[in-house]
mmCIF file of all heavy atoms, coordinates in Angstrom:
data_MODEL
# 
_entry.id   MODEL 
# 
loop_
_atom_site.group_PDB 
_atom_site.id 
_atom_site.type_symbol 
_atom_site.label_atom_id 
_atom_site.label_alt_id 
_atom_site.label_comp_id 
_atom_site.label_asym_id 
_atom_site.label_entity_id 
_atom_site.label_seq_id 
_atom_site.pdbx_PDB_ins_code 
_atom_site.Cartn_x 
_atom_site.Cartn_y 
_atom_site.Cartn_z 
_atom_site.occupancy 
_atom_site.B_iso_or_equiv 
_atom_site.pdbx_formal_charge 
_atom_site.auth_seq_id 
_atom_site.auth_comp_id 
_atom_site.auth_asym_id 
_atom_site.auth_atom_id 
_atom_site.pdbx_PDB_model_num 
ATOM 1   N N   . ASP A 1 1  ? 8.331   9.366   -7.518  1.00 0.00 ? 1  ASP A N   1 
ATOM 2   C CA  . ASP A 1 1  ? 7.862   9.726   -6.170  1.00 0.00 ? 1  ASP A CA  1 
ATOM 3   C C   . ASP A 1 1  ? 6.333   9.753   -6.115  1.00 0.00 ? 1  ASP A C   1 
ATOM 4   O O   . ASP A 1 1  ? 5.719   9.227   -5.184  1.00 0.00 ? 1  ASP A O   1 
ATOM 5   C CB  . ASP A 1 1  ? 8.412   11.092  -5.760  1.00 0.00 ? 1  ASP A CB  1 
ATOM 6   C CG  . ASP A 1 1  ? 9.881   11.037  -5.373  1.00 0.00 ? 1  ASP A CG  1 
ATOM 7   O OD1 . ASP A 1 1  ? 10.412  9.931   -5.189  1.00 0.00 ? 1  ASP A OD1 1 
ATOM 8   O OD2 . ASP A 1 1  ? 10.488  12.120  -5.248  1.00 0.00 ? 1  ASP A OD2 1 
ATOM 9   N N   . ARG A 1 2  ? 5.722   10.386  -7.122  1.00 0.00 ? 2  ARG A N   1 
ATOM 10  C CA  . ARG A 1 2  ? 4.262   10.522  -7.143  1.00 0.00 ? 2  ARG A CA  1 
ATOM 11  C C   . ARG A 1 2  ? 3.581   9.158   -7.212  1.00 0.00 ? 2  ARG A C   1 
ATOM 12  O O   . ARG A 1 2  ? 2.618   8.890   -6.481  1.00 0.00 ? 2  ARG A O   1 
ATOM 13  C CB  . ARG A 1 2  ? 3.834   11.389  -8.327  1.00 0.00 ? 2  ARG A CB  1 
ATOM 14  C CG  . ARG A 1 2  ? 2.320   11.625  -8.398  1.00 0.00 ? 2  ARG A CG  1 
ATOM 15  C CD  . ARG A 1 2  ? 1.929   12.407  -9.633  1.00 0.00 ? 2  ARG A CD  1 
ATOM 16  N NE  . ARG A 1 2  ? 2.156   11.655  -10.861 1.00 0.00 ? 2  ARG A NE  1 
ATOM 17  C CZ  . ARG A 1 2  ? 1.340   10.710  -11.323 1.00 0.00 ? 2  ARG A CZ  1 
ATOM 18  N NH1 . ARG A 1 2  ? 0.235   10.369  -10.633 1.00 0.00 ? 2  ARG A NH1 1 
ATOM 19  N NH2 . ARG A 1 2  ? 1.604   10.080  -12.455 1.00 0.00 ? 2  ARG A NH2 1 
ATOM 20  N N   . LEU A 1 3  ? 4.091   8.293   -8.065  1.00 0.00 ? 3  LEU A N   1 
ATOM 21  C CA  . LEU A 1 3  ? 3.477   6.982   -8.224  1.00 0.00 ? 3  LEU A CA  1 
ATOM 22  C C   . LEU A 1 3  ? 3.704   6.103   -6.991  1.00 0.00 ? 3  LEU A C   1 
ATOM 23  O O   . LEU A 1 3  ? 2.831   5.334   -6.596  1.00 0.00 ? 3  LEU A O   1 
ATOM 24  C CB  . LEU A 1 3  ? 4.019   6.304   -9.476  1.00 0.00 ? 3  LEU A CB  1 
ATOM 25  C CG  . LEU A 1 3  ? 3.524   6.956   -10.787 1.00 0.00 ? 3  LEU A CG  1 
ATOM 26  C CD1 . LEU A 1 3  ? 4.385   6.525   -11.968 1.00 0.00 ? 3  LEU A CD1 1 
ATOM 27  C CD2 . LEU A 1 3  ? 2.054   6.615   -11.036 1.00 0.00 ? 3  LEU A CD2 1 
ATOM 28  N N   . MET A 1 4  ? 4.891   6.250   -6.352  1.00 0.00 ? 4  MET A N   1 
ATOM 29  C CA  . MET A 1 4  ? 5.112   5.495   -5.116  1.00 0.00 ? 4  MET A CA  1 
ATOM 30  C C   . MET A 1 4  ? 4.185   5.988   -4.014  1.00 0.00 ? 4  MET A C   1 
ATOM 31  O O   . MET A 1 4  ? 3.687   5.178   -3.205  1.00 0.00 ? 4  MET A O   1 
ATOM 32  C CB  . MET A 1 4  ? 6.566   5.614   -4.672  1.00 0.00 ? 4  MET A CB  1 
ATOM 33  C CG  . MET A 1 4  ? 6.903   4.683   -3.508  1.00 0.00 ? 4  MET A CG  1 
ATOM 34  S SD  . MET A 1 4  ? 6.646   2.924   -3.908  1.00 0.00 ? 4  MET A SD  1 
ATOM 35  C CE  . MET A 1 4  ? 8.069   2.643   -4.981  1.00 0.00 ? 4  MET A CE  1 
ATOM 36  N N   . ASP A 1 5  ? 3.937   7.288   -3.964  1.00 0.00 ? 5  ASP A N   1 
ATOM 37  C CA  . ASP A 1 5  ? 2.988   7.801   -2.978  1.00 0.00 ? 5  ASP A CA  1 
ATOM 38  C C   . ASP A 1 5  ? 1.600   7.207   -3.188  1.00 0.00 ? 5  ASP A C   1 
ATOM 39  O O   . ASP A 1 5  ? 0.878   6.927   -2.221  1.00 0.00 ? 5  ASP A O   1 
ATOM 40  C CB  . ASP A 1 5  ? 2.916   9.338   -3.056  1.00 0.00 ? 5  ASP A CB  1 
ATOM 41  C CG  . ASP A 1 5  ? 4.103   10.012  -2.405  1.00 0.00 ? 5  ASP A CG  1 
ATOM 42  O OD1 . ASP A 1 5  ? 4.783   9.360   -1.592  1.00 0.00 ? 5  ASP A OD1 1 
ATOM 43  O OD2 . ASP A 1 5  ? 4.348   11.203  -2.694  1.00 0.00 ? 5  ASP A OD2 1 
ATOM 44  N N   . GLU A 1 6  ? 1.229   6.991   -4.458  1.00 0.00 ? 6  GLU A N   1 
ATOM 45  C CA  . GLU A 1 6  ? -0.069  6.364   -4.722  1.00 0.00 ? 6  GLU A CA  1 
ATOM 46  C C   . GLU A 1 6  ? -0.075  4.916   -4.253  1.00 0.00 ? 6  GLU A C   1 
ATOM 47  O O   . GLU A 1 6  ? -1.069  4.433   -3.698  1.00 0.00 ? 6  GLU A O   1 
ATOM 48  C CB  . GLU A 1 6  ? -0.414  6.443   -6.209  1.00 0.00 ? 6  GLU A CB  1 
ATOM 49  C CG  . GLU A 1 6  ? -1.817  5.915   -6.503  1.00 0.00 ? 6  GLU A CG  1 
ATOM 50  C CD  . GLU A 1 6  ? -2.262  6.089   -7.946  1.00 0.00 ? 6  GLU A CD  1 
ATOM 51  O OE1 . GLU A 1 6  ? -1.647  6.886   -8.673  1.00 0.00 ? 6  GLU A OE1 1 
ATOM 52  O OE2 . GLU A 1 6  ? -3.243  5.415   -8.336  1.00 0.00 ? 6  GLU A OE2 1 
ATOM 53  N N   . ALA A 1 7  ? 1.046   4.216   -4.446  1.00 0.00 ? 7  ALA A N   1 
ATOM 54  C CA  . ALA A 1 7  ? 1.141   2.833   -3.960  1.00 0.00 ? 7  ALA A CA  1 
ATOM 55  C C   . ALA A 1 7  ? 1.055   2.794   -2.437  1.00 0.00 ? 7  ALA A C   1 
ATOM 56  O O   . ALA A 1 7  ? 0.388   1.916   -1.863  1.00 0.00 ? 7  ALA A O   1 
ATOM 57  C CB  . ALA A 1 7  ? 2.458   2.203   -4.438  1.00 0.00 ? 7  ALA A CB  1 
ATOM 58  N N   . LEU A 1 8  ? 1.702   3.744   -1.771  1.00 0.00 ? 8  LEU A N   1 
ATOM 59  C CA  . LEU A 1 8  ? 1.634   3.811   -0.311  1.00 0.00 ? 8  LEU A CA  1 
ATOM 60  C C   . LEU A 1 8  ? 0.212   4.097   0.161   1.00 0.00 ? 8  LEU A C   1 
ATOM 61  O O   . LEU A 1 8  ? -0.253  3.542   1.160   1.00 0.00 ? 8  LEU A O   1 
ATOM 62  C CB  . LEU A 1 8  ? 2.579   4.896   0.206   1.00 0.00 ? 8  LEU A CB  1 
ATOM 63  C CG  . LEU A 1 8  ? 4.065   4.514   0.234   1.00 0.00 ? 8  LEU A CG  1 
ATOM 64  C CD1 . LEU A 1 8  ? 4.935   5.750   0.362   1.00 0.00 ? 8  LEU A CD1 1 
ATOM 65  C CD2 . LEU A 1 8  ? 4.328   3.555   1.391   1.00 0.00 ? 8  LEU A CD2 1 
ATOM 66  N N   . SER A 1 9  ? -0.477  4.963   -0.563  1.00 0.00 ? 9  SER A N   1 
ATOM 67  C CA  . SER A 1 9  ? -1.865  5.269   -0.209  1.00 0.00 ? 9  SER A CA  1 
ATOM 68  C C   . SER A 1 9  ? -2.753  4.039   -0.358  1.00 0.00 ? 9  SER A C   1 
ATOM 69  O O   . SER A 1 9  ? -3.629  3.768   0.483   1.00 0.00 ? 9  SER A O   1 
ATOM 70  C CB  . SER A 1 9  ? -2.383  6.407   -1.103  1.00 0.00 ? 9  SER A CB  1 
ATOM 71  O OG  . SER A 1 9  ? -3.718  6.728   -0.784  1.00 0.00 ? 9  SER A OG  1 
ATOM 72  N N   . LEU A 1 10 ? -2.535  3.265   -1.392  1.00 0.00 ? 10 LEU A N   1 
ATOM 73  C CA  . LEU A 1 10 ? -3.276  2.017   -1.571  1.00 0.00 ? 10 LEU A CA  1 
ATOM 74  C C   . LEU A 1 10 ? -3.006  1.061   -0.411  1.00 0.00 ? 10 LEU A C   1 
ATOM 75  O O   . LEU A 1 10 ? -3.930  0.440   0.129   1.00 0.00 ? 10 LEU A O   1 
ATOM 76  C CB  . LEU A 1 10 ? -2.866  1.347   -2.881  1.00 0.00 ? 10 LEU A CB  1 
ATOM 77  C CG  . LEU A 1 10 ? -3.535  1.798   -4.166  1.00 0.00 ? 10 LEU A CG  1 
ATOM 78  C CD1 . LEU A 1 10 ? -2.845  1.150   -5.356  1.00 0.00 ? 10 LEU A CD1 1 
ATOM 79  C CD2 . LEU A 1 10 ? -5.023  1.442   -4.160  1.00 0.00 ? 10 LEU A CD2 1 
ATOM 80  N N   . ALA A 1 11 ? -1.744  0.948   -0.020  1.00 0.00 ? 11 ALA A N   1 
ATOM 81  C CA  . ALA A 1 11 ? -1.380  0.037   1.065   1.00 0.00 ? 11 ALA A CA  1 
ATOM 82  C C   . ALA A 1 11 ? -2.121  0.374   2.344   1.00 0.00 ? 11 ALA A C   1 
ATOM 83  O O   . ALA A 1 11 ? -2.572  -0.523  3.080   1.00 0.00 ? 11 ALA A O   1 
ATOM 84  C CB  . ALA A 1 11 ? 0.134   0.094   1.297   1.00 0.00 ? 11 ALA A CB  1 
ATOM 85  N N   . GLN A 1 12 ? -2.280  1.660   2.632   1.00 0.00 ? 12 GLN A N   1 
ATOM 86  C CA  . GLN A 1 12 ? -2.908  2.094   3.879   1.00 0.00 ? 12 GLN A CA  1 
ATOM 87  C C   . GLN A 1 12 ? -4.391  1.731   3.952   1.00 0.00 ? 12 GLN A C   1 
ATOM 88  O O   . GLN A 1 12 ? -4.981  1.746   5.035   1.00 0.00 ? 12 GLN A O   1 
ATOM 89  C CB  . GLN A 1 12 ? -2.750  3.612   4.049   1.00 0.00 ? 12 GLN A CB  1 
ATOM 90  C CG  . GLN A 1 12 ? -1.345  4.056   4.396   1.00 0.00 ? 12 GLN A CG  1 
ATOM 91  C CD  . GLN A 1 12 ? -0.906  3.539   5.759   1.00 0.00 ? 12 GLN A CD  1 
ATOM 92  O OE1 . GLN A 1 12 ? -1.718  3.312   6.642   1.00 0.00 ? 12 GLN A OE1 1 
ATOM 93  N NE2 . GLN A 1 12 ? 0.392   3.336   5.924   1.00 0.00 ? 12 GLN A NE2 1 
ATOM 94  N N   . ARG A 1 13 ? -4.992  1.360   2.842   1.00 0.00 ? 13 ARG A N   1 
ATOM 95  C CA  . ARG A 1 13 ? -6.410  1.001   2.862   1.00 0.00 ? 13 ARG A CA  1 
ATOM 96  C C   . ARG A 1 13 ? -6.671  -0.262  3.673   1.00 0.00 ? 13 ARG A C   1 
ATOM 97  O O   . ARG A 1 13 ? -7.807  -0.509  4.091   1.00 0.00 ? 13 ARG A O   1 
ATOM 98  C CB  . ARG A 1 13 ? -6.927  0.829   1.428   1.00 0.00 ? 13 ARG A CB  1 
ATOM 99  C CG  . ARG A 1 13 ? -6.989  2.151   0.657   1.00 0.00 ? 13 ARG A CG  1 
ATOM 100 C CD  . ARG A 1 13 ? -7.374  1.962   -0.798  1.00 0.00 ? 13 ARG A CD  1 
ATOM 101 N NE  . ARG A 1 13 ? -8.705  1.375   -0.935  1.00 0.00 ? 13 ARG A NE  1 
ATOM 102 C CZ  . ARG A 1 13 ? -9.284  1.154   -2.109  1.00 0.00 ? 13 ARG A CZ  1 
ATOM 103 N NH1 . ARG A 1 13 ? -8.645  1.445   -3.236  1.00 0.00 ? 13 ARG A NH1 1 
ATOM 104 N NH2 . ARG A 1 13 ? -10.493 0.625   -2.174  1.00 0.00 ? 13 ARG A NH2 1 
ATOM 105 N N   . ALA A 1 14 ? -5.623  -1.039  3.912   1.00 0.00 ? 14 ALA A N   1 
ATOM 106 C CA  . ALA A 1 14 ? -5.786  -2.268  4.705   1.00 0.00 ? 14 ALA A CA  1 
ATOM 107 C C   . ALA A 1 14 ? -5.184  -2.124  6.099   1.00 0.00 ? 14 ALA A C   1 
ATOM 108 O O   . ALA A 1 14 ? -4.942  -3.132  6.770   1.00 0.00 ? 14 ALA A O   1 
ATOM 109 C CB  . ALA A 1 14 ? -5.143  -3.438  3.973   1.00 0.00 ? 14 ALA A CB  1 
ATOM 110 N N   . ALA A 1 15 ? -4.972  -0.905  6.553   1.00 0.00 ? 15 ALA A N   1 
ATOM 111 C CA  . ALA A 1 15 ? -4.362  -0.691  7.874   1.00 0.00 ? 15 ALA A CA  1 
ATOM 112 C C   . ALA A 1 15 ? -5.126  -1.446  8.953   1.00 0.00 ? 15 ALA A C   1 
ATOM 113 O O   . ALA A 1 15 ? -6.351  -1.367  9.050   1.00 0.00 ? 15 ALA A O   1 
ATOM 114 C CB  . ALA A 1 15 ? -4.330  0.795   8.206   1.00 0.00 ? 15 ALA A CB  1 
ATOM 115 N N   . GLY A 1 16 ? -4.383  -2.217  9.755   1.00 0.00 ? 16 GLY A N   1 
ATOM 116 C CA  . GLY A 1 16 ? -4.993  -2.987  10.827  1.00 0.00 ? 16 GLY A CA  1 
ATOM 117 C C   . GLY A 1 16 ? -5.572  -4.319  10.403  1.00 0.00 ? 16 GLY A C   1 
ATOM 118 O O   . GLY A 1 16 ? -6.171  -5.023  11.222  1.00 0.00 ? 16 GLY A O   1 
ATOM 119 N N   . ARG A 1 17 ? -5.398  -4.686  9.139   1.00 0.00 ? 17 ARG A N   1 
ATOM 120 C CA  . ARG A 1 17 ? -6.051  -5.907  8.645   1.00 0.00 ? 17 ARG A CA  1 
ATOM 121 C C   . ARG A 1 17 ? -5.082  -6.977  8.163   1.00 0.00 ? 17 ARG A C   1 
ATOM 122 O O   . ARG A 1 17 ? -5.512  -8.091  7.857   1.00 0.00 ? 17 ARG A O   1 
ATOM 123 C CB  . ARG A 1 17 ? -7.013  -5.564  7.480   1.00 0.00 ? 17 ARG A CB  1 
ATOM 124 C CG  . ARG A 1 17 ? -8.087  -4.527  7.814   1.00 0.00 ? 17 ARG A CG  1 
ATOM 125 C CD  . ARG A 1 17 ? -9.009  -5.023  8.903   1.00 0.00 ? 17 ARG A CD  1 
ATOM 126 N NE  . ARG A 1 17 ? -10.136 -4.143  9.142   1.00 0.00 ? 17 ARG A NE  1 
ATOM 127 C CZ  . ARG A 1 17 ? -10.131 -3.116  9.981   1.00 0.00 ? 17 ARG A CZ  1 
ATOM 128 N NH1 . ARG A 1 17 ? -9.034  -2.827  10.667  1.00 0.00 ? 17 ARG A NH1 1 
ATOM 129 N NH2 . ARG A 1 17 ? -11.204 -2.375  10.171  1.00 0.00 ? 17 ARG A NH2 1 
ATOM 130 N N   . THR A 1 18 ? -3.794  -6.675  8.046   1.00 0.00 ? 18 THR A N   1 
ATOM 131 C CA  . THR A 1 18 ? -2.894  -7.603  7.368   1.00 0.00 ? 18 THR A CA  1 
ATOM 132 C C   . THR A 1 18 ? -1.963  -8.392  8.284   1.00 0.00 ? 18 THR A C   1 
ATOM 133 O O   . THR A 1 18 ? -1.236  -9.266  7.816   1.00 0.00 ? 18 THR A O   1 
ATOM 134 C CB  . THR A 1 18 ? -2.018  -6.858  6.343   1.00 0.00 ? 18 THR A CB  1 
ATOM 135 O OG1 . THR A 1 18 ? -1.205  -5.896  7.031   1.00 0.00 ? 18 THR A OG1 1 
ATOM 136 C CG2 . THR A 1 18 ? -2.869  -6.163  5.304   1.00 0.00 ? 18 THR A CG2 1 
ATOM 137 N N   . SER A 1 19 ? -1.920  -8.110  9.570   1.00 0.00 ? 19 SER A N   1 
ATOM 138 C CA  . SER A 1 19 ? -0.981  -8.793  10.470  1.00 0.00 ? 19 SER A CA  1 
ATOM 139 C C   . SER A 1 19 ? -1.141  -10.303 10.376  1.00 0.00 ? 19 SER A C   1 
ATOM 140 O O   . SER A 1 19 ? -2.266  -10.806 10.283  1.00 0.00 ? 19 SER A O   1 
ATOM 141 C CB  . SER A 1 19 ? -1.227  -8.354  11.912  1.00 0.00 ? 19 SER A CB  1 
ATOM 142 O OG  . SER A 1 19 ? -0.828  -7.026  12.089  1.00 0.00 ? 19 SER A OG  1 
ATOM 143 N N   . PRO A 1 20 ? -0.028  -11.052 10.401  1.00 0.00 ? 20 PRO A N   1 
ATOM 144 C CA  . PRO A 1 20 ? 1.350   -10.589 10.626  1.00 0.00 ? 20 PRO A CA  1 
ATOM 145 C C   . PRO A 1 20 ? 2.069   -10.146 9.363   1.00 0.00 ? 20 PRO A C   1 
ATOM 146 O O   . PRO A 1 20 ? 3.291   -10.021 9.364   1.00 0.00 ? 20 PRO A O   1 
ATOM 147 C CB  . PRO A 1 20 ? 2.017   -11.825 11.219  1.00 0.00 ? 20 PRO A CB  1 
ATOM 148 C CG  . PRO A 1 20 ? 1.314   -12.957 10.521  1.00 0.00 ? 20 PRO A CG  1 
ATOM 149 C CD  . PRO A 1 20 ? -0.115  -12.516 10.362  1.00 0.00 ? 20 PRO A CD  1 
ATOM 150 N N   . ASN A 1 21 ? 1.333   -9.917  8.287   1.00 0.00 ? 21 ASN A N   1 
ATOM 151 C CA  . ASN A 1 21 ? 1.933   -9.460  7.036   1.00 0.00 ? 21 ASN A CA  1 
ATOM 152 C C   . ASN A 1 21 ? 2.042   -7.937  7.009   1.00 0.00 ? 21 ASN A C   1 
ATOM 153 O O   . ASN A 1 21 ? 1.378   -7.242  7.784   1.00 0.00 ? 21 ASN A O   1 
ATOM 154 C CB  . ASN A 1 21 ? 1.096   -9.933  5.844   1.00 0.00 ? 21 ASN A CB  1 
ATOM 155 C CG  . ASN A 1 21 ? 1.151   -11.433 5.655   1.00 0.00 ? 21 ASN A CG  1 
ATOM 156 O OD1 . ASN A 1 21 ? 1.934   -12.118 6.299   1.00 0.00 ? 21 ASN A OD1 1 
ATOM 157 N ND2 . ASN A 1 21 ? 0.311   -11.945 4.771   1.00 0.00 ? 21 ASN A ND2 1 
ATOM 158 N N   . PRO A 1 22 ? 2.825   -7.401  6.086   1.00 0.00 ? 22 PRO A N   1 
ATOM 159 C CA  . PRO A 1 22 ? 2.958   -5.946  5.969   1.00 0.00 ? 22 PRO A CA  1 
ATOM 160 C C   . PRO A 1 22 ? 1.825   -5.323  5.163   1.00 0.00 ? 22 PRO A C   1 
ATOM 161 O O   . PRO A 1 22 ? 1.023   -6.028  4.533   1.00 0.00 ? 22 PRO A O   1 
ATOM 162 C CB  . PRO A 1 22 ? 4.292   -5.787  5.225   1.00 0.00 ? 22 PRO A CB  1 
ATOM 163 C CG  . PRO A 1 22 ? 4.371   -7.023  4.359   1.00 0.00 ? 22 PRO A CG  1 
ATOM 164 C CD  . PRO A 1 22 ? 3.751   -8.124  5.189   1.00 0.00 ? 22 PRO A CD  1 
ATOM 165 N N   . LEU A 1 23 ? 1.781   -3.999  5.169   1.00 0.00 ? 23 LEU A N   1 
ATOM 166 C CA  . LEU A 1 23 ? 0.884   -3.237  4.311   1.00 0.00 ? 23 LEU A CA  1 
ATOM 167 C C   . LEU A 1 23 ? 1.590   -3.034  2.976   1.00 0.00 ? 23 LEU A C   1 
ATOM 168 O O   . LEU A 1 23 ? 2.689   -2.488  2.931   1.00 0.00 ? 23 LEU A O   1 
ATOM 169 C CB  . LEU A 1 23 ? 0.564   -1.875  4.918   1.00 0.00 ? 23 LEU A CB  1 
ATOM 170 C CG  . LEU A 1 23 ? -0.197  -1.873  6.250   1.00 0.00 ? 23 LEU A CG  1 
ATOM 171 C CD1 . LEU A 1 23 ? -0.206  -0.477  6.847   1.00 0.00 ? 23 LEU A CD1 1 
ATOM 172 C CD2 . LEU A 1 23 ? -1.612  -2.377  6.048   1.00 0.00 ? 23 LEU A CD2 1 
ATOM 173 N N   . VAL A 1 24 ? 0.966   -3.474  1.894   1.00 0.00 ? 24 VAL A N   1 
ATOM 174 C CA  . VAL A 1 24 ? 1.600   -3.356  0.583   1.00 0.00 ? 24 VAL A CA  1 
ATOM 175 C C   . VAL A 1 24 ? 0.587   -2.886  -0.453  1.00 0.00 ? 24 VAL A C   1 
ATOM 176 O O   . VAL A 1 24 ? -0.532  -3.404  -0.531  1.00 0.00 ? 24 VAL A O   1 
ATOM 177 C CB  . VAL A 1 24 ? 2.208   -4.705  0.120   1.00 0.00 ? 24 VAL A CB  1 
ATOM 178 C CG1 . VAL A 1 24 ? 2.951   -4.519  -1.210  1.00 0.00 ? 24 VAL A CG1 1 
ATOM 179 C CG2 . VAL A 1 24 ? 3.154   -5.264  1.169   1.00 0.00 ? 24 VAL A CG2 1 
ATOM 180 N N   . GLY A 1 25 ? 1.010   -1.904  -1.238  1.00 0.00 ? 25 GLY A N   1 
ATOM 181 C CA  . GLY A 1 25 ? 0.236   -1.436  -2.375  1.00 0.00 ? 25 GLY A CA  1 
ATOM 182 C C   . GLY A 1 25 ? 1.097   -1.500  -3.622  1.00 0.00 ? 25 GLY A C   1 
ATOM 183 O O   . GLY A 1 25 ? 2.317   -1.351  -3.544  1.00 0.00 ? 25 GLY A O   1 
ATOM 184 N N   . ALA A 1 26 ? 0.476   -1.729  -4.777  1.00 0.00 ? 26 ALA A N   1 
ATOM 185 C CA  . ALA A 1 26 ? 1.241   -1.862  -6.021  1.00 0.00 ? 26 ALA A CA  1 
ATOM 186 C C   . ALA A 1 26 ? 0.494   -1.234  -7.185  1.00 0.00 ? 26 ALA A C   1 
ATOM 187 O O   . ALA A 1 26 ? -0.744  -1.256  -7.240  1.00 0.00 ? 26 ALA A O   1 
ATOM 188 C CB  . ALA A 1 26 ? 1.520   -3.339  -6.320  1.00 0.00 ? 26 ALA A CB  1 
ATOM 189 N N   . LEU A 1 27 ? 1.257   -0.668  -8.103  1.00 0.00 ? 27 LEU A N   1 
ATOM 190 C CA  . LEU A 1 27 ? 0.724   -0.107  -9.346  1.00 0.00 ? 27 LEU A CA  1 
ATOM 191 C C   . LEU A 1 27 ? 1.454   -0.733  -10.514 1.00 0.00 ? 27 LEU A C   1 
ATOM 192 O O   . LEU A 1 27 ? 2.666   -0.990  -10.444 1.00 0.00 ? 27 LEU A O   1 
ATOM 193 C CB  . LEU A 1 27 ? 0.939   1.402   -9.417  1.00 0.00 ? 27 LEU A CB  1 
ATOM 194 C CG  . LEU A 1 27 ? 0.396   2.314   -8.328  1.00 0.00 ? 27 LEU A CG  1 
ATOM 195 C CD1 . LEU A 1 27 ? 0.836   3.744   -8.605  1.00 0.00 ? 27 LEU A CD1 1 
ATOM 196 C CD2 . LEU A 1 27 ? -1.111  2.229   -8.260  1.00 0.00 ? 27 LEU A CD2 1 
ATOM 197 N N   . VAL A 1 28 ? 0.751   -0.949  -11.618 1.00 0.00 ? 28 VAL A N   1 
ATOM 198 C CA  . VAL A 1 28 ? 1.371   -1.309  -12.887 1.00 0.00 ? 28 VAL A CA  1 
ATOM 199 C C   . VAL A 1 28 ? 1.154   -0.129  -13.824 1.00 0.00 ? 28 VAL A C   1 
ATOM 200 O O   . VAL A 1 28 ? 0.016   0.306   -14.034 1.00 0.00 ? 28 VAL A O   1 
ATOM 201 C CB  . VAL A 1 28 ? 0.757   -2.592  -13.481 1.00 0.00 ? 28 VAL A CB  1 
ATOM 202 C CG1 . VAL A 1 28 ? 1.400   -2.909  -14.838 1.00 0.00 ? 28 VAL A CG1 1 
ATOM 203 C CG2 . VAL A 1 28 ? 0.933   -3.757  -12.515 1.00 0.00 ? 28 VAL A CG2 1 
ATOM 204 N N   . VAL A 1 29 ? 2.258   0.386   -14.368 1.00 0.00 ? 29 VAL A N   1 
ATOM 205 C CA  . VAL A 1 29 ? 2.202   1.599   -15.187 1.00 0.00 ? 29 VAL A CA  1 
ATOM 206 C C   . VAL A 1 29 ? 2.758   1.296   -16.576 1.00 0.00 ? 29 VAL A C   1 
ATOM 207 O O   . VAL A 1 29 ? 3.884   0.789   -16.712 1.00 0.00 ? 29 VAL A O   1 
ATOM 208 C CB  . VAL A 1 29 ? 3.018   2.739   -14.544 1.00 0.00 ? 29 VAL A CB  1 
ATOM 209 C CG1 . VAL A 1 29 ? 2.964   3.997   -15.407 1.00 0.00 ? 29 VAL A CG1 1 
ATOM 210 C CG2 . VAL A 1 29 ? 2.487   3.039   -13.141 1.00 0.00 ? 29 VAL A CG2 1 
# 
């Protein structure tokens, strides 16, 4: 859960910039 929340937080850094694509964040652990 914690690591997915970090991925979601990363994704939000591009809010409003990715259309028509989604907001996506990824971590390698």
